[in-house]
Amino acid sequence: MESFMVVCTFTPETDMAEVMALVAEEQAKVAELKELGRIGAVYLSTRERGTVFLEVFADSSEEARETVVSLPMAKWWNLDIFPINAPVARGSAADPS
């Protein structure tokens, strides 16, 4: 399984009152996906930037997308999916310098 960072930005036409009405449902789904080992950390920057950052565990970026779109709030999100690579320790065999 690989790790992905999914950056979810709210579309401009999003009605934040509708979003807030789904908070409990969203939290329950996130808890379920965390138990299944499909979501790790969740970071919110909704007030300042309208952005949610999700750590997702999946076998591919398409599977990571499927996990995220299963969330209730995903209908308002644009998604950018990035594979996460562990930092290379300086001086290790993988360090090109």
PDB file of N, CA and C in Angstrom:
ATOM      1  N   MET A   1       0.830  -1.172   0.000  1.00  0.00           N
ATOM      2  CA  MET A   1       0.000   0.000   0.000  1.00  0.00           C
ATOM      3  C   MET A   1       0.879   1.242   0.000  1.00  0.00           C
ATOM      4  N   GLU A   2       0.451   2.246  -0.727  1.00  0.00           N
ATOM      5  CA  GLU A   2       1.195   3.493  -0.819  1.00  0.00           C
ATOM      6  C   GLU A   2       0.473   4.594  -0.042  1.00  0.00           C
ATOM      7  N   SER A   3       1.196   5.677   0.234  1.00  0.00           N
ATOM      8  CA  SER A   3       0.609   6.846   0.894  1.00  0.00           C
ATOM      9  C   SER A   3       0.419   7.949  -0.125  1.00  0.00           C
ATOM     10  N   PHE A   4      -0.693   8.660   0.015  1.00  0.00           N
ATOM     11  CA  PHE A   4      -1.000   9.792  -0.849  1.00  0.00           C
ATOM     12  C   PHE A   4      -1.451  10.963   0.013  1.00  0.00           C
ATOM     13  N   MET A   5      -1.112  12.167  -0.423  1.00  0.00           N
ATOM     14  CA  MET A   5      -1.676  13.374   0.171  1.00  0.00           C
ATOM     15  C   MET A   5      -2.696  13.881  -0.827  1.00  0.00           C
ATOM     16  N   VAL A   6      -3.927  14.009  -0.383  1.00  0.00           N
ATOM     17  CA  VAL A   6      -4.989  14.498  -1.251  1.00  0.00           C
ATOM     18  C   VAL A   6      -5.372  15.892  -0.755  1.00  0.00           C
ATOM     19  N   VAL A   7      -5.209  16.865  -1.633  1.00  0.00           N
ATOM     20  CA  VAL A   7      -5.547  18.245  -1.331  1.00  0.00           C
ATOM     21  C   VAL A   7      -6.937  18.490  -1.912  1.00  0.00           C
ATOM     22  N   CYS A   8      -7.872  18.789  -1.032  1.00  0.00           N
ATOM     23  CA  CYS A   8      -9.279  18.963  -1.414  1.00  0.00           C
ATOM     24  C   CYS A   8      -9.634  20.440  -1.235  1.00  0.00           C
ATOM     25  N   THR A   9      -9.976  21.096  -2.318  1.00  0.00           N
ATOM     26  CA  THR A   9     -10.363  22.504  -2.229  1.00  0.00           C
ATOM     27  C   THR A   9     -11.840  22.638  -2.577  1.00  0.00           C
ATOM     28  N   PHE A  10     -12.525  23.429  -1.794  1.00  0.00           N
ATOM     29  CA  PHE A  10     -13.948  23.648  -2.027  1.00  0.00           C
ATOM     30  C   PHE A  10     -14.144  24.461  -3.308  1.00  0.00           C
ATOM     31  N   THR A  11     -15.113  24.069  -4.099  1.00  0.00           N
ATOM     32  CA  THR A  11     -15.430  24.816  -5.314  1.00  0.00           C
ATOM     33  C   THR A  11     -16.008  26.176  -4.920  1.00  0.00           C
ATOM     34  N   PRO A  12     -15.860  27.186  -5.765  1.00  0.00           N
ATOM     35  CA  PRO A  12     -16.314  28.542  -5.418  1.00  0.00           C
ATOM     36  C   PRO A  12     -17.800  28.643  -5.087  1.00  0.00           C
ATOM     37  N   GLU A  13     -18.624  27.815  -5.698  1.00  0.00           N
ATOM     38  CA  GLU A  13     -20.067  27.906  -5.456  1.00  0.00           C
ATOM     39  C   GLU A  13     -20.537  27.135  -4.216  1.00  0.00           C
ATOM     40  N   THR A  14     -19.619  26.595  -3.451  1.00  0.00           N
ATOM     41  CA  THR A  14     -19.983  25.815  -2.272  1.00  0.00           C
ATOM     42  C   THR A  14     -20.706  26.671  -1.238  1.00  0.00           C
ATOM     43  N   ASP A  15     -21.822  26.166  -0.760  1.00  0.00           N
ATOM     44  CA  ASP A  15     -22.580  26.810   0.314  1.00  0.00           C
ATOM     45  C   ASP A  15     -22.062  26.214   1.627  1.00  0.00           C
ATOM     46  N   MET A  16     -21.283  26.977   2.361  1.00  0.00           N
ATOM     47  CA  MET A  16     -20.651  26.455   3.580  1.00  0.00           C
ATOM     48  C   MET A  16     -21.679  26.079   4.649  1.00  0.00           C
ATOM     49  N   ALA A  17     -22.868  26.641   4.617  1.00  0.00           N
ATOM     50  CA  ALA A  17     -23.916  26.217   5.554  1.00  0.00           C
ATOM     51  C   ALA A  17     -24.304  24.763   5.272  1.00  0.00           C
ATOM     52  N   GLU A  18     -24.347  24.382   3.998  1.00  0.00           N
ATOM     53  CA  GLU A  18     -24.623  22.989   3.639  1.00  0.00           C
ATOM     54  C   GLU A  18     -23.486  22.080   4.097  1.00  0.00           C
ATOM     55  N   VAL A  19     -22.266  22.559   3.943  1.00  0.00           N
ATOM     56  CA  VAL A  19     -21.096  21.793   4.385  1.00  0.00           C
ATOM     57  C   VAL A  19     -21.188  21.550   5.891  1.00  0.00           C
ATOM     58  N   MET A  20     -21.463  22.589   6.645  1.00  0.00           N
ATOM     59  CA  MET A  20     -21.520  22.463   8.100  1.00  0.00           C
ATOM     60  C   MET A  20     -22.623  21.508   8.539  1.00  0.00           C
ATOM     61  N   ALA A  21     -23.683  21.408   7.766  1.00  0.00           N
ATOM     62  CA  ALA A  21     -24.782  20.496   8.098  1.00  0.00           C
ATOM     63  C   ALA A  21     -24.355  19.031   7.958  1.00  0.00           C
ATOM     64  N   LEU A  22     -23.261  18.764   7.237  1.00  0.00           N
ATOM     65  CA  LEU A  22     -22.787  17.388   7.030  1.00  0.00           C
ATOM     66  C   LEU A  22     -21.597  17.003   7.902  1.00  0.00           C
ATOM     67  N   VAL A  23     -21.201  17.874   8.812  1.00  0.00           N
ATOM     68  CA  VAL A  23     -19.996  17.619   9.607  1.00  0.00           C
ATOM     69  C   VAL A  23     -20.070  16.289  10.358  1.00  0.00           C
ATOM     70  N   ALA A  24     -21.149  15.999  11.033  1.00  0.00           N
ATOM     71  CA  ALA A  24     -21.248  14.747  11.802  1.00  0.00           C
ATOM     72  C   ALA A  24     -21.171  13.527  10.882  1.00  0.00           C
ATOM     73  N   GLU A  25     -21.835  13.591   9.744  1.00  0.00           N
ATOM     74  CA  GLU A  25     -21.798  12.489   8.782  1.00  0.00           C
ATOM     75  C   GLU A  25     -20.381  12.306   8.225  1.00  0.00           C
ATOM     76  N   GLU A  26     -19.721  13.412   7.933  1.00  0.00           N
ATOM     77  CA  GLU A  26     -18.346  13.373   7.426  1.00  0.00           C
ATOM     78  C   GLU A  26     -17.408  12.760   8.471  1.00  0.00           C
ATOM     79  N   GLN A  27     -17.536  13.196   9.722  1.00  0.00           N
ATOM     80  CA  GLN A  27     -16.679  12.669  10.790  1.00  0.00           C
ATOM     81  C   GLN A  27     -16.881  11.166  10.968  1.00  0.00           C
ATOM     82  N   ALA A  28     -18.113  10.699  10.877  1.00  0.00           N
ATOM     83  CA  ALA A  28     -18.393   9.266  11.013  1.00  0.00           C
ATOM     84  C   ALA A  28     -17.753   8.475   9.881  1.00  0.00           C
ATOM     85  N   LYS A  29     -17.827   8.987   8.660  1.00  0.00           N
ATOM     86  CA  LYS A  29     -17.238   8.298   7.510  1.00  0.00           C
ATOM     87  C   LYS A  29     -15.719   8.291   7.606  1.00  0.00           C
ATOM     88  N   VAL A  30     -15.132   9.410   8.033  1.00  0.00           N
ATOM     89  CA  VAL A  30     -13.679   9.466   8.221  1.00  0.00           C
ATOM     90  C   VAL A  30     -13.251   8.447   9.271  1.00  0.00           C
ATOM     91  N   ALA A  31     -13.975   8.344  10.377  1.00  0.00           N
ATOM     92  CA  ALA A  31     -13.650   7.373  11.428  1.00  0.00           C
ATOM     93  C   ALA A  31     -13.705   5.948  10.875  1.00  0.00           C
ATOM     94  N   GLU A  32     -14.713   5.666  10.062  1.00  0.00           N
ATOM     95  CA  GLU A  32     -14.845   4.343   9.440  1.00  0.00           C
ATOM     96  C   GLU A  32     -13.649   4.053   8.531  1.00  0.00           C
ATOM     97  N   LEU A  33     -13.264   5.013   7.712  1.00  0.00           N
ATOM     98  CA  LEU A  33     -12.139   4.818   6.801  1.00  0.00           C
ATOM     99  C   LEU A  33     -10.808   4.731   7.545  1.00  0.00           C
ATOM    100  N   LYS A  34     -10.693   5.424   8.674  1.00  0.00           N
ATOM    101  CA  LYS A  34      -9.488   5.293   9.500  1.00  0.00           C
ATOM    102  C   LYS A  34      -9.393   3.879  10.073  1.00  0.00           C
ATOM    103  N   GLU A  35     -10.511   3.339  10.541  1.00  0.00           N
ATOM    104  CA  GLU A  35     -10.517   1.969  11.069  1.00  0.00           C
ATOM    105  C   GLU A  35     -10.129   0.954  10.010  1.00  0.00           C
ATOM    106  N   LEU A  36     -10.500   1.215   8.771  1.00  0.00           N
ATOM    107  CA  LEU A  36     -10.158   0.328   7.656  1.00  0.00           C
ATOM    108  C   LEU A  36      -8.724   0.526   7.162  1.00  0.00           C
ATOM    109  N   GLY A  37      -8.025   1.537   7.738  1.00  0.00           N
ATOM    110  CA  GLY A  37      -6.650   1.815   7.336  1.00  0.00           C
ATOM    111  C   GLY A  37      -6.537   2.526   6.001  1.00  0.00           C
ATOM    112  N   ARG A  38      -7.588   3.213   5.584  1.00  0.00           N
ATOM    113  CA  ARG A  38      -7.588   3.898   4.291  1.00  0.00           C
ATOM    114  C   ARG A  38      -7.332   5.394   4.411  1.00  0.00           C
ATOM    115  N   ILE A  39      -7.558   5.959   5.598  1.00  0.00           N
ATOM    116  CA  ILE A  39      -7.261   7.380   5.846  1.00  0.00           C
ATOM    117  C   ILE A  39      -6.434   7.478   7.111  1.00  0.00           C
ATOM    118  N   GLY A  40      -5.433   8.353   7.062  1.00  0.00           N
ATOM    119  CA  GLY A  40      -4.608   8.629   8.232  1.00  0.00           C
ATOM    120  C   GLY A  40      -4.950  10.003   8.782  1.00  0.00           C
ATOM    121  N   ALA A  41      -4.029  10.921   8.612  1.00  0.00           N
ATOM    122  CA  ALA A  41      -4.206  12.270   9.148  1.00  0.00           C
ATOM    123  C   ALA A  41      -5.181  13.085   8.294  1.00  0.00           C
ATOM    124  N   VAL A  42      -5.888  13.973   8.980  1.00  0.00           N
ATOM    125  CA  VAL A  42      -6.801  14.923   8.333  1.00  0.00           C
ATOM    126  C   VAL A  42      -6.456  16.308   8.872  1.00  0.00           C
ATOM    127  N   TYR A  43      -6.210  17.246   7.961  1.00  0.00           N
ATOM    128  CA  TYR A  43      -5.904  18.620   8.354  1.00  0.00           C
ATOM    129  C   TYR A  43      -6.870  19.554   7.644  1.00  0.00           C
ATOM    130  N   LEU A  44      -7.381  20.531   8.364  1.00  0.00           N
ATOM    131  CA  LEU A  44      -8.354  21.472   7.814  1.00  0.00           C
ATOM    132  C   LEU A  44      -7.785  22.875   7.771  1.00  0.00           C
ATOM    133  N   SER A  45      -8.049  23.546   6.688  1.00  0.00           N
ATOM    134  CA  SER A  45      -7.756  24.966   6.557  1.00  0.00           C
ATOM    135  C   SER A  45      -8.962  25.612   5.881  1.00  0.00           C
ATOM    136  N   THR A  46     -10.142  25.199   6.311  1.00  0.00           N
ATOM    137  CA  THR A  46     -11.365  25.629   5.638  1.00  0.00           C
ATOM    138  C   THR A  46     -11.650  27.104   5.801  1.00  0.00           C
ATOM    139  N   ARG A  47     -11.463  27.623   6.969  1.00  0.00           N
ATOM    140  CA  ARG A  47     -11.797  29.025   7.194  1.00  0.00           C
ATOM    141  C   ARG A  47     -10.894  29.944   6.375  1.00  0.00           C
ATOM    142  N   GLU A  48      -9.606  29.687   6.392  1.00  0.00           N
ATOM    143  CA  GLU A  48      -8.662  30.563   5.716  1.00  0.00           C
ATOM    144  C   GLU A  48      -8.602  30.337   4.208  1.00  0.00           C
ATOM    145  N   ARG A  49      -8.597  29.066   3.800  1.00  0.00           N
ATOM    146  CA  ARG A  49      -8.341  28.776   2.390  1.00  0.00           C
ATOM    147  C   ARG A  49      -9.341  27.816   1.754  1.00  0.00           C
ATOM    148  N   GLY A  50     -10.273  27.298   2.510  1.00  0.00           N
ATOM    149  CA  GLY A  50     -11.227  26.355   1.947  1.00  0.00           C
ATOM    150  C   GLY A  50     -10.559  25.080   1.476  1.00  0.00           C
ATOM    151  N   THR A  51      -9.633  24.549   2.281  1.00  0.00           N
ATOM    152  CA  THR A  51      -8.845  23.395   1.872  1.00  0.00           C
ATOM    153  C   THR A  51      -8.825  22.337   2.967  1.00  0.00           C
ATOM    154  N   VAL A  52      -8.886  21.084   2.542  1.00  0.00           N
ATOM    155  CA  VAL A  52      -8.760  19.937   3.439  1.00  0.00           C
ATOM    156  C   VAL A  52      -7.607  19.088   2.903  1.00  0.00           C
ATOM    157  N   PHE A  53      -6.745  18.624   3.798  1.00  0.00           N
ATOM    158  CA  PHE A  53      -5.622  17.763   3.433  1.00  0.00           C
ATOM    159  C   PHE A  53      -5.875  16.392   4.044  1.00  0.00           C
ATOM    160  N   LEU A  54      -5.863  15.366   3.203  1.00  0.00           N
ATOM    161  CA  LEU A  54      -6.113  14.003   3.670  1.00  0.00           C
ATOM    162  C   LEU A  54      -4.927  13.103   3.346  1.00  0.00           C
ATOM    163  N   GLU A  55      -4.457  12.372   4.345  1.00  0.00           N
ATOM    164  CA  GLU A  55      -3.474  11.325   4.115  1.00  0.00           C
ATOM    165  C   GLU A  55      -4.275  10.068   3.791  1.00  0.00           C
ATOM    166  N   VAL A  56      -4.054   9.514   2.606  1.00  0.00           N
ATOM    167  CA  VAL A  56      -4.825   8.360   2.154  1.00  0.00           C
ATOM    168  C   VAL A  56      -3.873   7.213   1.843  1.00  0.00           C
ATOM    169  N   PHE A  57      -4.272   6.009   2.224  1.00  0.00           N
ATOM    170  CA  PHE A  57      -3.491   4.804   1.958  1.00  0.00           C
ATOM    171  C   PHE A  57      -4.231   3.982   0.916  1.00  0.00           C
ATOM    172  N   ALA A  58      -3.551   3.708  -0.194  1.00  0.00           N
ATOM    173  CA  ALA A  58      -4.191   3.002  -1.297  1.00  0.00           C
ATOM    174  C   ALA A  58      -3.114   2.350  -2.165  1.00  0.00           C
ATOM    175  N   ASP A  59      -3.558   1.474  -3.048  1.00  0.00           N
ATOM    176  CA  ASP A  59      -2.633   0.809  -3.964  1.00  0.00           C
ATOM    177  C   ASP A  59      -2.355   1.637  -5.219  1.00  0.00           C
ATOM    178  N   SER A  60      -3.169   2.657  -5.478  1.00  0.00           N
ATOM    179  CA  SER A  60      -2.981   3.503  -6.658  1.00  0.00           C
ATOM    180  C   SER A  60      -3.643   4.858  -6.402  1.00  0.00           C
ATOM    181  N   SER A  61      -3.312   5.820  -7.256  1.00  0.00           N
ATOM    182  CA  SER A  61      -3.938   7.132  -7.109  1.00  0.00           C
ATOM    183  C   SER A  61      -5.436   7.049  -7.413  1.00  0.00           C
ATOM    184  N   GLU A  62      -5.838   6.150  -8.309  1.00  0.00           N
ATOM    185  CA  GLU A  62      -7.270   5.990  -8.593  1.00  0.00           C
ATOM    186  C   GLU A  62      -8.002   5.434  -7.367  1.00  0.00           C
ATOM    187  N   GLU A  63      -7.393   4.485  -6.686  1.00  0.00           N
ATOM    188  CA  GLU A  63      -8.003   3.952  -5.460  1.00  0.00           C
ATOM    189  C   GLU A  63      -8.057   5.022  -4.372  1.00  0.00           C
ATOM    190  N   ALA A  64      -7.028   5.865  -4.298  1.00  0.00           N
ATOM    191  CA  ALA A  64      -7.042   6.973  -3.338  1.00  0.00           C
ATOM    192  C   ALA A  64      -8.195   7.919  -3.656  1.00  0.00           C
ATOM    193  N   ARG A  65      -8.398   8.207  -4.940  1.00  0.00           N
ATOM    194  CA  ARG A  65      -9.514   9.060  -5.361  1.00  0.00           C
ATOM    195  C   ARG A  65     -10.842   8.437  -4.952  1.00  0.00           C
ATOM    196  N   GLU A  66     -11.001   7.135  -5.162  1.00  0.00           N
ATOM    197  CA  GLU A  66     -12.244   6.447  -4.799  1.00  0.00           C
ATOM    198  C   GLU A  66     -12.521   6.563  -3.303  1.00  0.00           C
ATOM    199  N   THR A  67     -11.473   6.458  -2.505  1.00  0.00           N
ATOM    200  CA  THR A  67     -11.638   6.608  -1.055  1.00  0.00           C
ATOM    201  C   THR A  67     -12.159   8.003  -0.730  1.00  0.00           C
ATOM    202  N   VAL A  68     -11.547   9.012  -1.313  1.00  0.00           N
ATOM    203  CA  VAL A  68     -11.931  10.395  -1.000  1.00  0.00           C
ATOM    204  C   VAL A  68     -13.338  10.702  -1.487  1.00  0.00           C
ATOM    205  N   VAL A  69     -13.696  10.254  -2.676  1.00  0.00           N
ATOM    206  CA  VAL A  69     -15.031  10.596  -3.183  1.00  0.00           C
ATOM    207  C   VAL A  69     -16.129   9.850  -2.439  1.00  0.00           C
ATOM    208  N   SER A  70     -15.770   8.893  -1.592  1.00  0.00           N
ATOM    209  CA  SER A  70     -16.776   8.231  -0.754  1.00  0.00           C
ATOM    210  C   SER A  70     -17.183   9.101   0.437  1.00  0.00           C
ATOM    211  N   LEU A  71     -16.449  10.184   0.676  1.00  0.00           N
ATOM    212  CA  LEU A  71     -16.776  11.091   1.773  1.00  0.00           C
ATOM    213  C   LEU A  71     -17.940  12.007   1.385  1.00  0.00           C
ATOM    214  N   PRO A  72     -18.827  12.296   2.309  1.00  0.00           N
ATOM    215  CA  PRO A  72     -19.991  13.142   1.999  1.00  0.00           C
ATOM    216  C   PRO A  72     -19.645  14.516   1.437  1.00  0.00           C
ATOM    217  N   MET A  73     -18.567  15.126   1.905  1.00  0.00           N
ATOM    218  CA  MET A  73     -18.228  16.477   1.461  1.00  0.00           C
ATOM    219  C   MET A  73     -17.509  16.513   0.116  1.00  0.00           C
ATOM    220  N   ALA A  74     -17.126  15.361  -0.391  1.00  0.00           N
ATOM    221  CA  ALA A  74     -16.361  15.312  -1.641  1.00  0.00           C
ATOM    222  C   ALA A  74     -17.114  15.924  -2.815  1.00  0.00           C
ATOM    223  N   LYS A  75     -18.425  15.979  -2.735  1.00  0.00           N
ATOM    224  CA  LYS A  75     -19.198  16.548  -3.849  1.00  0.00           C
ATOM    225  C   LYS A  75     -18.888  18.024  -4.070  1.00  0.00           C
ATOM    226  N   TRP A  76     -18.277  18.674  -3.082  1.00  0.00           N
ATOM    227  CA  TRP A  76     -17.920  20.087  -3.207  1.00  0.00           C
ATOM    228  C   TRP A  76     -16.440  20.310  -3.477  1.00  0.00           C
ATOM    229  N   TRP A  77     -15.669  19.247  -3.622  1.00  0.00           N
ATOM    230  CA  TRP A  77     -14.214  19.367  -3.690  1.00  0.00           C
ATOM    231  C   TRP A  77     -13.647  19.191  -5.089  1.00  0.00           C
ATOM    232  N   ASN A  78     -12.593  19.948  -5.358  1.00  0.00           N
ATOM    233  CA  ASN A  78     -11.653  19.657  -6.443  1.00  0.00           C
ATOM    234  C   ASN A  78     -10.509  18.915  -5.770  1.00  0.00           C
ATOM    235  N   LEU A  79      -9.989  17.869  -6.410  1.00  0.00           N
ATOM    236  CA  LEU A  79      -8.960  17.034  -5.787  1.00  0.00           C
ATOM    237  C   LEU A  79      -7.639  17.114  -6.533  1.00  0.00           C
ATOM    238  N   ASP A  80      -6.555  17.218  -5.770  1.00  0.00           N
ATOM    239  CA  ASP A  80      -5.195  17.044  -6.277  1.00  0.00           C
ATOM    240  C   ASP A  80      -4.602  15.910  -5.456  1.00  0.00           C
ATOM    241  N   ILE A  81      -4.111  14.883  -6.129  1.00  0.00           N
ATOM    242  CA  ILE A  81      -3.610  13.691  -5.450  1.00  0.00           C
ATOM    243  C   ILE A  81      -2.115  13.574  -5.705  1.00  0.00           C
ATOM    244  N   PHE A  82      -1.356  13.479  -4.608  1.00  0.00           N
ATOM    245  CA  PHE A  82       0.100  13.409  -4.689  1.00  0.00           C
ATOM    246  C   PHE A  82       0.607  12.161  -3.978  1.00  0.00           C
ATOM    247  N   PRO A  83       1.413  11.334  -4.644  1.00  0.00           N
ATOM    248  CA  PRO A  83       2.052  10.232  -3.924  1.00  0.00           C
ATOM    249  C   PRO A  83       3.048  10.811  -2.921  1.00  0.00           C
ATOM    250  N   ILE A  84       3.132  10.202  -1.772  1.00  0.00           N
ATOM    251  CA  ILE A  84       4.059  10.659  -0.735  1.00  0.00           C
ATOM    252  C   ILE A  84       5.271   9.744  -0.732  1.00  0.00           C
ATOM    253  N   ASN A  85       6.434  10.344  -0.829  1.00  0.00           N
ATOM    254  CA  ASN A  85       7.683   9.590  -0.758  1.00  0.00           C
ATOM    255  C   ASN A  85       8.398   9.966   0.529  1.00  0.00           C
ATOM    256  N   ALA A  86       8.916   8.970   1.194  1.00  0.00           N
ATOM    257  CA  ALA A  86       9.671   9.230   2.420  1.00  0.00           C
ATOM    258  C   ALA A  86      10.923  10.029   2.082  1.00  0.00           C
ATOM    259  N   PRO A  87      11.328  10.962   2.950  1.00  0.00           N
ATOM    260  CA  PRO A  87      12.551  11.722   2.690  1.00  0.00           C
ATOM    261  C   PRO A  87      13.764  10.788   2.695  1.00  0.00           C
ATOM    262  N   VAL A  88      14.712  11.105   1.846  1.00  0.00           N
ATOM    263  CA  VAL A  88      15.937  10.313   1.763  1.00  0.00           C
ATOM    264  C   VAL A  88      16.922  10.860   2.798  1.00  0.00           C
ATOM    265  N   ALA A  89      17.457   9.966   3.623  1.00  0.00           N
ATOM    266  CA  ALA A  89      18.430  10.383   4.625  1.00  0.00           C
ATOM    267  C   ALA A  89      19.728  10.784   3.939  1.00  0.00           C
ATOM    268  N   ARG A  90      20.251  11.913   4.349  1.00  0.00           N
ATOM    269  CA  ARG A  90      21.498  12.415   3.772  1.00  0.00           C
ATOM    270  C   ARG A  90      22.629  11.428   4.021  1.00  0.00           C
ATOM    271  N   GLY A  91      23.366  11.109   2.984  1.00  0.00           N
ATOM    272  CA  GLY A  91      24.478  10.175   3.107  1.00  0.00           C
ATOM    273  C   GLY A  91      24.063   8.718   2.916  1.00  0.00           C
ATOM    274  N   SER A  92      22.792   8.455   2.703  1.00  0.00           N
ATOM    275  CA  SER A  92      22.345   7.074   2.483  1.00  0.00           C
ATOM    276  C   SER A  92      22.614   6.676   1.039  1.00  0.00           C
ATOM    277  N   ALA A  93      22.486   5.417   0.732  1.00  0.00           N
ATOM    278  CA  ALA A  93      22.733   4.907  -0.614  1.00  0.00           C
ATOM    279  C   ALA A  93      21.778   5.538  -1.629  1.00  0.00           C
ATOM    280  N   ALA A  94      20.597   5.957  -1.192  1.00  0.00           N
ATOM    281  CA  ALA A  94      19.610   6.560  -2.090  1.00  0.00           C
ATOM    282  C   ALA A  94      19.843   8.053  -2.303  1.00  0.00           C
ATOM    283  N   ASP A  95      20.757   8.666  -1.524  1.00  0.00           N
ATOM    284  CA  ASP A  95      21.039  10.098  -1.641  1.00  0.00           C
ATOM    285  C   ASP A  95      21.961  10.318  -2.842  1.00  0.00           C
ATOM    286  N   PRO A  96      21.485  11.069  -3.863  1.00  0.00           N
ATOM    287  CA  PRO A  96      22.293  11.257  -5.076  1.00  0.00           C
ATOM    288  C   PRO A  96      23.482  12.191  -4.912  1.00  0.00           C
ATOM    289  N   SER A  97      23.592  12.883  -3.795  1.00  0.00           N
ATOM    290  CA  SER A  97      24.703  13.855  -3.651  1.00  0.00           C
ATOM    291  C   SER A  97      25.998  13.216  -3.237  1.00  0.00           C
TER     292      SER A  97
END
